[in-house]
Amino acid sequence: MVIILIYMYLIAVTGTEEVMNQVDLTIVDDSVCANRYKGYMPNNKLCAGYENQHKNFCWVN
């Protein structure tokens, strides 16, 4: 199991303030993501998260 730490920058709706968030996630096998998300293309996406913990991350290159 590979645990990764992902940092995401979010721009607030009311301005240009940047907010840094972090979450620890498990990298999910491409076949799991392909079955769950229509159009998932593993050559340009990273899929990570947990099944029932409402934590996930979808990164597009």
N, C-alpha and C. Protein backbone atom coordinates (compact mmCIF):
# COMPACT_ATOMS: atom_id res chain seq x y z
N MET A 1 0.85 -1.16 0.00
CA MET A 1 0.00 0.00 0.00
C MET A 1 0.90 1.24 0.00
N VAL A 2 0.66 2.09 -0.93
CA VAL A 2 1.44 3.31 -1.03
C VAL A 2 0.58 4.47 -0.53
N ILE A 3 1.08 5.15 0.47
CA ILE A 3 0.38 6.32 0.98
C ILE A 3 1.07 7.55 0.41
N ILE A 4 0.29 8.44 -0.15
CA ILE A 4 0.88 9.64 -0.71
C ILE A 4 0.29 10.86 -0.02
N LEU A 5 1.04 11.91 0.01
CA LEU A 5 0.59 13.18 0.57
C LEU A 5 0.43 14.14 -0.60
N ILE A 6 -0.77 14.62 -0.79
CA ILE A 6 -1.07 15.46 -1.94
C ILE A 6 -1.42 16.86 -1.46
N TYR A 7 -0.79 17.83 -2.06
CA TYR A 7 -1.09 19.22 -1.76
C TYR A 7 -1.89 19.81 -2.92
N MET A 8 -2.96 20.47 -2.59
CA MET A 8 -3.80 21.08 -3.62
C MET A 8 -3.97 22.56 -3.30
N TYR A 9 -3.91 23.37 -4.30
CA TYR A 9 -4.19 24.79 -4.15
C TYR A 9 -5.61 25.06 -4.64
N LEU A 10 -6.37 25.76 -3.85
CA LEU A 10 -7.73 26.13 -4.23
C LEU A 10 -7.84 27.65 -4.23
N ILE A 11 -8.46 28.20 -5.23
CA ILE A 11 -8.71 29.63 -5.27
C ILE A 11 -10.10 29.88 -4.69
N ALA A 12 -10.18 30.74 -3.69
CA ALA A 12 -11.46 31.06 -3.06
C ALA A 12 -12.39 31.72 -4.07
N VAL A 13 -13.67 31.43 -3.97
CA VAL A 13 -14.66 31.97 -4.90
C VAL A 13 -14.72 33.49 -4.81
N THR A 14 -14.51 34.04 -3.63
CA THR A 14 -14.67 35.48 -3.43
C THR A 14 -13.40 36.28 -3.68
N GLY A 15 -12.34 35.68 -4.13
CA GLY A 15 -11.10 36.43 -4.35
C GLY A 15 -10.01 35.55 -4.92
N THR A 16 -8.79 35.97 -4.73
CA THR A 16 -7.66 35.23 -5.27
C THR A 16 -6.84 34.56 -4.17
N GLU A 17 -7.39 34.47 -2.99
CA GLU A 17 -6.68 33.86 -1.87
C GLU A 17 -6.42 32.38 -2.17
N GLU A 18 -5.20 31.94 -1.95
CA GLU A 18 -4.87 30.53 -2.14
C GLU A 18 -4.93 29.81 -0.80
N VAL A 19 -5.58 28.67 -0.78
CA VAL A 19 -5.72 27.88 0.43
C VAL A 19 -5.06 26.53 0.17
N MET A 20 -4.11 26.13 1.01
CA MET A 20 -3.44 24.85 0.84
C MET A 20 -4.16 23.79 1.69
N ASN A 21 -4.46 22.68 1.07
CA ASN A 21 -5.08 21.55 1.76
C ASN A 21 -4.19 20.33 1.59
N GLN A 22 -4.31 19.38 2.49
CA GLN A 22 -3.58 18.13 2.32
C GLN A 22 -4.44 16.99 2.81
N VAL A 23 -4.19 15.81 2.24
CA VAL A 23 -4.91 14.60 2.64
C VAL A 23 -3.99 13.41 2.35
N ASP A 24 -4.00 12.42 3.23
CA ASP A 24 -3.25 11.18 3.01
C ASP A 24 -4.18 10.21 2.28
N LEU A 25 -3.72 9.69 1.15
CA LEU A 25 -4.53 8.80 0.33
C LEU A 25 -3.74 7.57 -0.10
N THR A 26 -4.47 6.51 -0.42
CA THR A 26 -3.90 5.30 -0.99
C THR A 26 -4.05 5.38 -2.51
N ILE A 27 -3.00 5.06 -3.25
CA ILE A 27 -3.10 5.01 -4.70
C ILE A 27 -3.96 3.81 -5.07
N VAL A 28 -4.94 4.03 -5.95
CA VAL A 28 -5.90 2.99 -6.33
C VAL A 28 -5.47 2.42 -7.68
N ASP A 29 -5.63 1.11 -7.85
CA ASP A 29 -5.30 0.45 -9.10
C ASP A 29 -6.12 1.03 -10.25
N ASP A 30 -5.51 1.17 -11.41
CA ASP A 30 -6.18 1.74 -12.57
C ASP A 30 -7.47 1.00 -12.93
N SER A 31 -7.51 -0.32 -12.76
CA SER A 31 -8.71 -1.08 -13.12
C SER A 31 -9.89 -0.71 -12.24
N VAL A 32 -9.64 -0.39 -10.98
CA VAL A 32 -10.72 0.03 -10.07
C VAL A 32 -11.31 1.35 -10.55
N CYS A 33 -10.44 2.30 -10.87
CA CYS A 33 -10.91 3.61 -11.33
C CYS A 33 -11.60 3.51 -12.68
N ALA A 34 -11.09 2.66 -13.56
CA ALA A 34 -11.70 2.50 -14.88
C ALA A 34 -13.11 1.94 -14.76
N ASN A 35 -13.35 1.04 -13.81
CA ASN A 35 -14.68 0.49 -13.59
C ASN A 35 -15.63 1.51 -12.97
N ARG A 36 -15.11 2.41 -12.18
CA ARG A 36 -15.94 3.37 -11.45
C ARG A 36 -16.22 4.64 -12.24
N TYR A 37 -15.23 5.13 -12.99
CA TYR A 37 -15.35 6.41 -13.67
C TYR A 37 -15.31 6.24 -15.18
N LYS A 38 -16.43 6.55 -15.82
CA LYS A 38 -16.52 6.44 -17.28
C LYS A 38 -15.51 7.40 -17.91
N GLY A 39 -14.75 6.90 -18.85
CA GLY A 39 -13.77 7.72 -19.55
C GLY A 39 -12.45 7.88 -18.83
N TYR A 40 -12.24 7.12 -17.75
CA TYR A 40 -10.97 7.20 -17.02
C TYR A 40 -9.84 6.75 -17.92
N MET A 41 -8.81 7.58 -18.05
CA MET A 41 -7.66 7.26 -18.89
C MET A 41 -6.41 7.27 -18.02
N PRO A 42 -5.86 6.10 -17.68
CA PRO A 42 -4.73 6.02 -16.76
C PRO A 42 -3.44 6.65 -17.27
N ASN A 43 -3.34 6.91 -18.56
CA ASN A 43 -2.11 7.50 -19.08
C ASN A 43 -1.98 8.98 -18.76
N ASN A 44 -3.08 9.64 -18.33
CA ASN A 44 -2.98 11.05 -17.99
C ASN A 44 -3.68 11.41 -16.68
N LYS A 45 -4.02 10.40 -15.86
CA LYS A 45 -4.69 10.67 -14.59
C LYS A 45 -4.09 9.81 -13.48
N LEU A 46 -4.15 10.33 -12.28
CA LEU A 46 -3.76 9.59 -11.08
C LEU A 46 -5.01 9.43 -10.25
N CYS A 47 -5.33 8.22 -9.85
CA CYS A 47 -6.52 7.98 -9.07
C CYS A 47 -6.10 7.49 -7.68
N ALA A 48 -6.63 8.14 -6.66
CA ALA A 48 -6.28 7.79 -5.29
C ALA A 48 -7.46 8.08 -4.38
N GLY A 49 -7.58 7.35 -3.29
CA GLY A 49 -8.65 7.61 -2.34
C GLY A 49 -9.02 6.37 -1.56
N TYR A 50 -10.13 6.48 -0.84
CA TYR A 50 -10.66 5.39 -0.03
C TYR A 50 -12.11 5.16 -0.41
N GLU A 51 -12.54 3.93 -0.35
CA GLU A 51 -13.89 3.54 -0.77
C GLU A 51 -15.00 4.26 -0.01
N ASN A 52 -14.93 4.29 1.30
CA ASN A 52 -16.06 4.79 2.09
C ASN A 52 -15.70 5.92 3.04
N GLN A 53 -14.62 6.64 2.80
CA GLN A 53 -14.22 7.68 3.74
C GLN A 53 -14.38 9.09 3.18
N HIS A 54 -14.99 9.24 2.03
CA HIS A 54 -15.24 10.55 1.43
C HIS A 54 -13.96 11.34 1.21
N LYS A 55 -12.85 10.66 1.05
CA LYS A 55 -11.58 11.30 0.73
C LYS A 55 -11.16 10.77 -0.63
N ASN A 56 -10.87 11.66 -1.55
CA ASN A 56 -10.38 11.20 -2.84
C ASN A 56 -9.66 12.34 -3.53
N PHE A 57 -9.04 12.01 -4.63
CA PHE A 57 -8.30 13.00 -5.39
C PHE A 57 -8.22 12.52 -6.82
N CYS A 58 -8.52 13.38 -7.74
CA CYS A 58 -8.35 13.06 -9.15
C CYS A 58 -7.44 14.12 -9.74
N TRP A 59 -6.29 13.71 -10.23
CA TRP A 59 -5.32 14.63 -10.78
C TRP A 59 -5.19 14.38 -12.26
N VAL A 60 -5.33 15.44 -13.04
CA VAL A 60 -5.19 15.35 -14.48
C VAL A 60 -3.93 16.07 -14.89
N ASN A 61 -3.11 15.41 -15.67
CA ASN A 61 -1.86 16.01 -16.15
C ASN A 61 -2.13 16.93 -17.31
